[in-house]
Amino acid sequence: MIYRIKQLKPLPDYLLSVTFDDGKHVVYDISDDFNLPGYSVLRDVPGLYRNAQLDQSRTCVYWNEDVDLPSDIIYEYGKPVF
């Protein structure tokens, strides 16, 4: 299944609020990924994290040409918001 993102909002403390087309709403903690290759720049480069964007297909969040996060990871590992 392809999980398309309807709404994306960067929150303080490296949290992403993400709502999907099917209505599921989660909060994903990007800081959990800082140990993965490339993700530490979201912490180390001032303002980069706040520039989170959706790709044209709405299946990927990206910050620059090197750092992105697929929607299926966010869908599976994000904490549900009720």
PDB file of N, CA and C in Angstrom:
ATOM      1  N   MET A   1       0.837  -1.189   0.000  1.00  0.00           N
ATOM      2  CA  MET A   1       0.000   0.000   0.000  1.00  0.00           C
ATOM      3  C   MET A   1       0.877   1.246   0.000  1.00  0.00           C
ATOM      4  N   ILE A   2       0.450   2.245  -0.723  1.00  0.00           N
ATOM      5  CA  ILE A   2       1.153   3.518  -0.773  1.00  0.00           C
ATOM      6  C   ILE A   2       0.466   4.480   0.192  1.00  0.00           C
ATOM      7  N   TYR A   3       1.245   5.037   1.109  1.00  0.00           N
ATOM      8  CA  TYR A   3       0.711   5.963   2.106  1.00  0.00           C
ATOM      9  C   TYR A   3       1.012   7.386   1.668  1.00  0.00           C
ATOM     10  N   ARG A   4      -0.033   8.106   1.295  1.00  0.00           N
ATOM     11  CA  ARG A   4       0.133   9.487   0.844  1.00  0.00           C
ATOM     12  C   ARG A   4      -0.143  10.439   2.010  1.00  0.00           C
ATOM     13  N   ILE A   5       0.716  11.415   2.129  1.00  0.00           N
ATOM     14  CA  ILE A   5       0.621  12.385   3.213  1.00  0.00           C
ATOM     15  C   ILE A   5      -0.298  13.527   2.794  1.00  0.00           C
ATOM     16  N   LYS A   6      -1.258  13.804   3.657  1.00  0.00           N
ATOM     17  CA  LYS A   6      -2.204  14.884   3.415  1.00  0.00           C
ATOM     18  C   LYS A   6      -1.706  16.194   4.029  1.00  0.00           C
ATOM     19  N   GLN A   7      -1.108  16.089   5.223  1.00  0.00           N
ATOM     20  CA  GLN A   7      -0.637  17.285   5.914  1.00  0.00           C
ATOM     21  C   GLN A   7       0.646  16.977   6.676  1.00  0.00           C
ATOM     22  N   LEU A   8       1.573  17.906   6.633  1.00  0.00           N
ATOM     23  CA  LEU A   8       2.870  17.777   7.297  1.00  0.00           C
ATOM     24  C   LEU A   8       3.150  19.056   8.059  1.00  0.00           C
ATOM     25  N   LYS A   9       3.559  18.895   9.329  1.00  0.00           N
ATOM     26  CA  LYS A   9       3.902  20.073  10.118  1.00  0.00           C
ATOM     27  C   LYS A   9       5.075  19.746  11.029  1.00  0.00           C
ATOM     28  N   PRO A  10       6.218  20.425  10.843  1.00  0.00           N
ATOM     29  CA  PRO A  10       7.325  20.255  11.774  1.00  0.00           C
ATOM     30  C   PRO A  10       6.969  20.901  13.117  1.00  0.00           C
ATOM     31  N   LEU A  11       7.200  20.169  14.188  1.00  0.00           N
ATOM     32  CA  LEU A  11       6.943  20.644  15.539  1.00  0.00           C
ATOM     33  C   LEU A  11       8.278  20.846  16.256  1.00  0.00           C
ATOM     34  N   PRO A  12       8.265  21.523  17.400  1.00  0.00           N
ATOM     35  CA  PRO A  12       9.503  21.645  18.180  1.00  0.00           C
ATOM     36  C   PRO A  12      10.042  20.266  18.584  1.00  0.00           C
ATOM     37  N   ASP A  13      11.305  20.238  18.972  1.00  0.00           N
ATOM     38  CA  ASP A  13      11.968  19.027  19.472  1.00  0.00           C
ATOM     39  C   ASP A  13      12.066  17.920  18.430  1.00  0.00           C
ATOM     40  N   TYR A  14      12.155  18.292  17.165  1.00  0.00           N
ATOM     41  CA  TYR A  14      12.355  17.352  16.053  1.00  0.00           C
ATOM     42  C   TYR A  14      11.225  16.344  15.906  1.00  0.00           C
ATOM     43  N   LEU A  15      10.020  16.803  16.138  1.00  0.00           N
ATOM     44  CA  LEU A  15       8.836  15.979  15.930  1.00  0.00           C
ATOM     45  C   LEU A  15       8.123  16.442  14.666  1.00  0.00           C
ATOM     46  N   LEU A  16       7.629  15.476  13.899  1.00  0.00           N
ATOM     47  CA  LEU A  16       6.829  15.780  12.711  1.00  0.00           C
ATOM     48  C   LEU A  16       5.393  15.338  12.967  1.00  0.00           C
ATOM     49  N   SER A  17       4.457  16.235  12.769  1.00  0.00           N
ATOM     50  CA  SER A  17       3.045  15.897  12.809  1.00  0.00           C
ATOM     51  C   SER A  17       2.631  15.581  11.374  1.00  0.00           C
ATOM     52  N   VAL A  18       2.127  14.356  11.166  1.00  0.00           N
ATOM     53  CA  VAL A  18       1.806  13.905   9.815  1.00  0.00           C
ATOM     54  C   VAL A  18       0.402  13.299   9.795  1.00  0.00           C
ATOM     55  N   THR A  19      -0.412  13.773   8.860  1.00  0.00           N
ATOM     56  CA  THR A  19      -1.740  13.207   8.638  1.00  0.00           C
ATOM     57  C   THR A  19      -1.749  12.608   7.240  1.00  0.00           C
ATOM     58  N   PHE A  20      -2.257  11.396   7.156  1.00  0.00           N
ATOM     59  CA  PHE A  20      -2.303  10.668   5.889  1.00  0.00           C
ATOM     60  C   PHE A  20      -3.692  10.756   5.269  1.00  0.00           C
ATOM     61  N   ASP A  21      -3.770  10.439   3.985  1.00  0.00           N
ATOM     62  CA  ASP A  21      -5.041  10.486   3.263  1.00  0.00           C
ATOM     63  C   ASP A  21      -6.111   9.599   3.891  1.00  0.00           C
ATOM     64  N   ASP A  22      -5.697   8.501   4.545  1.00  0.00           N
ATOM     65  CA  ASP A  22      -6.686   7.611   5.159  1.00  0.00           C
ATOM     66  C   ASP A  22      -7.149   8.099   6.529  1.00  0.00           C
ATOM     67  N   GLY A  23      -6.660   9.277   6.957  1.00  0.00           N
ATOM     68  CA  GLY A  23      -7.083   9.869   8.216  1.00  0.00           C
ATOM     69  C   GLY A  23      -6.160   9.580   9.396  1.00  0.00           C
ATOM     70  N   LYS A  24      -5.236   8.656   9.243  1.00  0.00           N
ATOM     71  CA  LYS A  24      -4.309   8.356  10.336  1.00  0.00           C
ATOM     72  C   LYS A  24      -3.430   9.579  10.598  1.00  0.00           C
ATOM     73  N   HIS A  25      -3.291   9.918  11.884  1.00  0.00           N
ATOM     74  CA  HIS A  25      -2.482  11.062  12.298  1.00  0.00           C
ATOM     75  C   HIS A  25      -1.432  10.549  13.272  1.00  0.00           C
ATOM     76  N   VAL A  26      -0.169  10.832  12.979  1.00  0.00           N
ATOM     77  CA  VAL A  26       0.927  10.367  13.823  1.00  0.00           C
ATOM     78  C   VAL A  26       1.899  11.511  14.098  1.00  0.00           C
ATOM     79  N   VAL A  27       2.711  11.297  15.129  1.00  0.00           N
ATOM     80  CA  VAL A  27       3.848  12.162  15.409  1.00  0.00           C
ATOM     81  C   VAL A  27       5.083  11.281  15.303  1.00  0.00           C
ATOM     82  N   TYR A  28       6.014  11.707  14.463  1.00  0.00           N
ATOM     83  CA  TYR A  28       7.238  10.943  14.233  1.00  0.00           C
ATOM     84  C   TYR A  28       8.415  11.722  14.802  1.00  0.00           C
ATOM     85  N   ASP A  29       9.238  11.053  15.592  1.00  0.00           N
ATOM     86  CA  ASP A  29      10.387  11.677  16.248  1.00  0.00           C
ATOM     87  C   ASP A  29      11.638  11.505  15.380  1.00  0.00           C
ATOM     88  N   ILE A  30      12.023  12.576  14.703  1.00  0.00           N
ATOM     89  CA  ILE A  30      13.196  12.545  13.830  1.00  0.00           C
ATOM     90  C   ILE A  30      14.478  12.328  14.628  1.00  0.00           C
ATOM     91  N   SER A  31      14.519  12.761  15.875  1.00  0.00           N
ATOM     92  CA  SER A  31      15.750  12.621  16.655  1.00  0.00           C
ATOM     93  C   SER A  31      16.157  11.161  16.829  1.00  0.00           C
ATOM     94  N   ASP A  32      15.212  10.249  16.704  1.00  0.00           N
ATOM     95  CA  ASP A  32      15.537   8.822  16.763  1.00  0.00           C
ATOM     96  C   ASP A  32      16.417   8.394  15.586  1.00  0.00           C
ATOM     97  N   ASP A  33      16.431   9.195  14.523  1.00  0.00           N
ATOM     98  CA  ASP A  33      17.174   8.862  13.309  1.00  0.00           C
ATOM     99  C   ASP A  33      18.519   9.578  13.200  1.00  0.00           C
ATOM    100  N   PHE A  34      18.873  10.396  14.176  1.00  0.00           N
ATOM    101  CA  PHE A  34      20.121  11.165  14.094  1.00  0.00           C
ATOM    102  C   PHE A  34      21.349  10.280  13.958  1.00  0.00           C
ATOM    103  N   ASN A  35      21.268   9.034  14.398  1.00  0.00           N
ATOM    104  CA  ASN A  35      22.418   8.133  14.282  1.00  0.00           C
ATOM    105  C   ASN A  35      22.514   7.490  12.895  1.00  0.00           C
ATOM    106  N   LEU A  36      21.501   7.673  12.048  1.00  0.00           N
ATOM    107  CA  LEU A  36      21.531   7.139  10.685  1.00  0.00           C
ATOM    108  C   LEU A  36      22.356   8.068   9.791  1.00  0.00           C
ATOM    109  N   PRO A  37      22.992   7.512   8.764  1.00  0.00           N
ATOM    110  CA  PRO A  37      23.812   8.341   7.874  1.00  0.00           C
ATOM    111  C   PRO A  37      23.025   9.514   7.283  1.00  0.00           C
ATOM    112  N   GLY A  38      23.557  10.706   7.463  1.00  0.00           N
ATOM    113  CA  GLY A  38      22.977  11.896   6.859  1.00  0.00           C
ATOM    114  C   GLY A  38      21.977  12.653   7.695  1.00  0.00           C
ATOM    115  N   TYR A  39      21.342  12.014   8.656  1.00  0.00           N
ATOM    116  CA  TYR A  39      20.261  12.660   9.399  1.00  0.00           C
ATOM    117  C   TYR A  39      20.733  13.650  10.460  1.00  0.00           C
ATOM    118  N   SER A  40      21.980  13.558  10.892  1.00  0.00           N
ATOM    119  CA  SER A  40      22.460  14.474  11.930  1.00  0.00           C
ATOM    120  C   SER A  40      22.454  15.925  11.458  1.00  0.00           C
ATOM    121  N   VAL A  41      22.458  16.165  10.151  1.00  0.00           N
ATOM    122  CA  VAL A  41      22.416  17.549   9.659  1.00  0.00           C
ATOM    123  C   VAL A  41      21.113  18.236  10.053  1.00  0.00           C
ATOM    124  N   LEU A  42      20.056  17.475  10.269  1.00  0.00           N
ATOM    125  CA  LEU A  42      18.789  18.073  10.688  1.00  0.00           C
ATOM    126  C   LEU A  42      18.908  18.708  12.071  1.00  0.00           C
ATOM    127  N   ARG A  43      19.818  18.206  12.863  1.00  0.00           N
ATOM    128  CA  ARG A  43      20.107  18.764  14.182  1.00  0.00           C
ATOM    129  C   ARG A  43      21.204  19.829  14.091  1.00  0.00           C
ATOM    130  N   ASP A  44      22.194  19.586  13.243  1.00  0.00           N
ATOM    131  CA  ASP A  44      23.405  20.400  13.228  1.00  0.00           C
ATOM    132  C   ASP A  44      23.341  21.649  12.353  1.00  0.00           C
ATOM    133  N   VAL A  45      22.495  21.652  11.345  1.00  0.00           N
ATOM    134  CA  VAL A  45      22.378  22.816  10.454  1.00  0.00           C
ATOM    135  C   VAL A  45      21.171  23.650  10.897  1.00  0.00           C
ATOM    136  N   PRO A  46      21.428  24.847  11.421  1.00  0.00           N
ATOM    137  CA  PRO A  46      20.326  25.686  11.925  1.00  0.00           C
ATOM    138  C   PRO A  46      19.238  25.912  10.875  1.00  0.00           C
ATOM    139  N   GLY A  47      17.990  25.660  11.284  1.00  0.00           N
ATOM    140  CA  GLY A  47      16.840  25.923  10.432  1.00  0.00           C
ATOM    141  C   GLY A  47      16.496  24.848   9.412  1.00  0.00           C
ATOM    142  N   LEU A  48      17.384  23.897   9.166  1.00  0.00           N
ATOM    143  CA  LEU A  48      17.113  22.887   8.136  1.00  0.00           C
ATOM    144  C   LEU A  48      15.901  22.037   8.488  1.00  0.00           C
ATOM    145  N   TYR A  49      15.813  21.574   9.720  1.00  0.00           N
ATOM    146  CA  TYR A  49      14.691  20.712  10.120  1.00  0.00           C
ATOM    147  C   TYR A  49      13.337  21.365   9.841  1.00  0.00           C
ATOM    148  N   ARG A  50      13.228  22.659  10.104  1.00  0.00           N
ATOM    149  CA  ARG A  50      11.950  23.370   9.926  1.00  0.00           C
ATOM    150  C   ARG A  50      11.546  23.484   8.456  1.00  0.00           C
ATOM    151  N   ASN A  51      12.454  23.163   7.525  1.00  0.00           N
ATOM    152  CA  ASN A  51      12.168  23.258   6.097  1.00  0.00           C
ATOM    153  C   ASN A  51      11.662  21.947   5.501  1.00  0.00           C
ATOM    154  N   ALA A  52      11.086  21.099   6.311  1.00  0.00           N
ATOM    155  CA  ALA A  52      10.539  19.831   5.811  1.00  0.00           C
ATOM    156  C   ALA A  52       9.498  20.109   4.727  1.00  0.00           C
ATOM    157  N   GLN A  53       9.574  19.339   3.629  1.00  0.00           N
ATOM    158  CA  GLN A  53       8.658  19.497   2.506  1.00  0.00           C
ATOM    159  C   GLN A  53       8.185  18.126   2.032  1.00  0.00           C
ATOM    160  N   LEU A  54       7.081  18.115   1.321  1.00  0.00           N
ATOM    161  CA  LEU A  54       6.578  16.895   0.695  1.00  0.00           C
ATOM    162  C   LEU A  54       7.025  16.848  -0.754  1.00  0.00           C
ATOM    163  N   ASP A  55       7.373  15.648  -1.216  1.00  0.00           N
ATOM    164  CA  ASP A  55       7.666  15.521  -2.643  1.00  0.00           C
ATOM    165  C   ASP A  55       6.348  15.568  -3.412  1.00  0.00           C
ATOM    166  N   GLN A  56       6.447  15.628  -4.708  1.00  0.00           N
ATOM    167  CA  GLN A  56       5.255  15.804  -5.555  1.00  0.00           C
ATOM    168  C   GLN A  56       4.249  14.661  -5.413  1.00  0.00           C
ATOM    169  N   SER A  57       4.733  13.456  -5.158  1.00  0.00           N
ATOM    170  CA  SER A  57       3.831  12.304  -5.025  1.00  0.00           C
ATOM    171  C   SER A  57       3.195  12.210  -3.641  1.00  0.00           C
ATOM    172  N   ARG A  58       3.674  13.041  -2.702  1.00  0.00           N
ATOM    173  CA  ARG A  58       3.206  13.052  -1.312  1.00  0.00           C
ATOM    174  C   ARG A  58       3.511  11.740  -0.586  1.00  0.00           C
ATOM    175  N   THR A  59       4.576  11.054  -0.996  1.00  0.00           N
ATOM    176  CA  THR A  59       4.975   9.794  -0.362  1.00  0.00           C
ATOM    177  C   THR A  59       6.340   9.894   0.301  1.00  0.00           C
ATOM    178  N   CYS A  60       6.875  11.103   0.389  1.00  0.00           N
ATOM    179  CA  CYS A  60       8.203  11.274   0.963  1.00  0.00           C
ATOM    180  C   CYS A  60       8.340  12.691   1.515  1.00  0.00           C
ATOM    181  N   VAL A  61       8.895  12.787   2.720  1.00  0.00           N
ATOM    182  CA  VAL A  61       9.258  14.076   3.299  1.00  0.00           C
ATOM    183  C   VAL A  61      10.739  14.270   3.002  1.00  0.00           C
ATOM    184  N   TYR A  62      11.111  15.474   2.573  1.00  0.00           N
ATOM    185  CA  TYR A  62      12.527  15.717   2.308  1.00  0.00           C
ATOM    186  C   TYR A  62      12.935  17.084   2.833  1.00  0.00           C
ATOM    187  N   TRP A  63      14.225  17.219   3.081  1.00  0.00           N
ATOM    188  CA  TRP A  63      14.810  18.463   3.572  1.00  0.00           C
ATOM    189  C   TRP A  63      15.780  19.052   2.570  1.00  0.00           C
ATOM    190  N   ASN A  64      16.510  18.200   1.917  1.00  0.00           N
ATOM    191  CA  ASN A  64      17.426  18.626   0.859  1.00  0.00           C
ATOM    192  C   ASN A  64      17.647  17.423  -0.051  1.00  0.00           C
ATOM    193  N   GLU A  65      18.577  17.529  -0.983  1.00  0.00           N
ATOM    194  CA  GLU A  65      18.785  16.432  -1.935  1.00  0.00           C
ATOM    195  C   GLU A  65      19.390  15.188  -1.288  1.00  0.00           C
ATOM    196  N   ASP A  66      19.868  15.316  -0.052  1.00  0.00           N
ATOM    197  CA  ASP A  66      20.509  14.180   0.621  1.00  0.00           C
ATOM    198  C   ASP A  66      19.676  13.540   1.730  1.00  0.00           C
ATOM    199  N   VAL A  67      18.706  14.253   2.256  1.00  0.00           N
ATOM    200  CA  VAL A  67      17.964  13.763   3.421  1.00  0.00           C
ATOM    201  C   VAL A  67      16.473  13.702   3.110  1.00  0.00           C
ATOM    202  N   ASP A  68      15.924  12.492   3.189  1.00  0.00           N
ATOM    203  CA  ASP A  68      14.488  12.318   3.007  1.00  0.00           C
ATOM    204  C   ASP A  68      13.999  11.175   3.881  1.00  0.00           C
ATOM    205  N   LEU A  69      12.682  11.067   3.990  1.00  0.00           N
ATOM    206  CA  LEU A  69      12.064  10.057   4.839  1.00  0.00           C
ATOM    207  C   LEU A  69      10.789   9.558   4.153  1.00  0.00           C
ATOM    208  N   PRO A  70      10.739   8.285   3.787  1.00  0.00           N
ATOM    209  CA  PRO A  70       9.565   7.746   3.094  1.00  0.00           C
ATOM    210  C   PRO A  70       8.333   7.718   3.993  1.00  0.00           C
ATOM    211  N   SER A  71       7.199   7.919   3.387  1.00  0.00           N
ATOM    212  CA  SER A  71       5.946   7.963   4.141  1.00  0.00           C
ATOM    213  C   SER A  71       5.619   6.641   4.826  1.00  0.00           C
ATOM    214  N   ASP A  72       6.028   5.508   4.243  1.00  0.00           N
ATOM    215  CA  ASP A  72       5.702   4.231   4.873  1.00  0.00           C
ATOM    216  C   ASP A  72       6.427   4.051   6.208  1.00  0.00           C
ATOM    217  N   ILE A  73       7.622   4.612   6.345  1.00  0.00           N
ATOM    218  CA  ILE A  73       8.349   4.563   7.618  1.00  0.00           C
ATOM    219  C   ILE A  73       7.615   5.410   8.657  1.00  0.00           C
ATOM    220  N   ILE A  74       7.202   6.599   8.257  1.00  0.00           N
ATOM    221  CA  ILE A  74       6.459   7.479   9.167  1.00  0.00           C
ATOM    222  C   ILE A  74       5.154   6.808   9.589  1.00  0.00           C
ATOM    223  N   TYR A  75       4.456   6.206   8.641  1.00  0.00           N
ATOM    224  CA  TYR A  75       3.177   5.551   8.910  1.00  0.00           C
ATOM    225  C   TYR A  75       3.348   4.414   9.914  1.00  0.00           C
ATOM    226  N   GLU A  76       4.388   3.612   9.717  1.00  0.00           N
ATOM    227  CA  GLU A  76       4.597   2.441  10.559  1.00  0.00           C
ATOM    228  C   GLU A  76       5.153   2.778  11.942  1.00  0.00           C
ATOM    229  N   TYR A  77       6.077   3.727  12.022  1.00  0.00           N
ATOM    230  CA  TYR A  77       6.783   3.989  13.272  1.00  0.00           C
ATOM    231  C   TYR A  77       6.345   5.260  14.003  1.00  0.00           C
ATOM    232  N   GLY A  78       5.508   6.056  13.385  1.00  0.00           N
ATOM    233  CA  GLY A  78       4.995   7.239  14.069  1.00  0.00           C
ATOM    234  C   GLY A  78       4.045   6.848  15.189  1.00  0.00           C
ATOM    235  N   LYS A  79       3.986   7.686  16.208  1.00  0.00           N
ATOM    236  CA  LYS A  79       3.072   7.419  17.338  1.00  0.00           C
ATOM    237  C   LYS A  79       1.704   8.010  17.011  1.00  0.00           C
ATOM    238  N   PRO A  80       0.672   7.163  17.038  1.00  0.00           N
ATOM    239  CA  PRO A  80      -0.676   7.641  16.706  1.00  0.00           C
ATOM    240  C   PRO A  80      -1.156   8.760  17.631  1.00  0.00           C
ATOM    241  N   VAL A  81      -1.847   9.713  17.045  1.00  0.00           N
ATOM    242  CA  VAL A  81      -2.479  10.796  17.774  1.00  0.00           C
ATOM    243  C   VAL A  81      -3.976  10.565  17.685  1.00  0.00           C
ATOM    244  N   PHE A  82      -4.645  10.619  18.823  1.00  0.00           N
ATOM    245  CA  PHE A  82      -6.100  10.371  18.835  1.00  0.00           C
ATOM    246  C   PHE A  82      -6.859  11.616  19.156  1.00  0.00           C
TER     247      PHE A  82
END
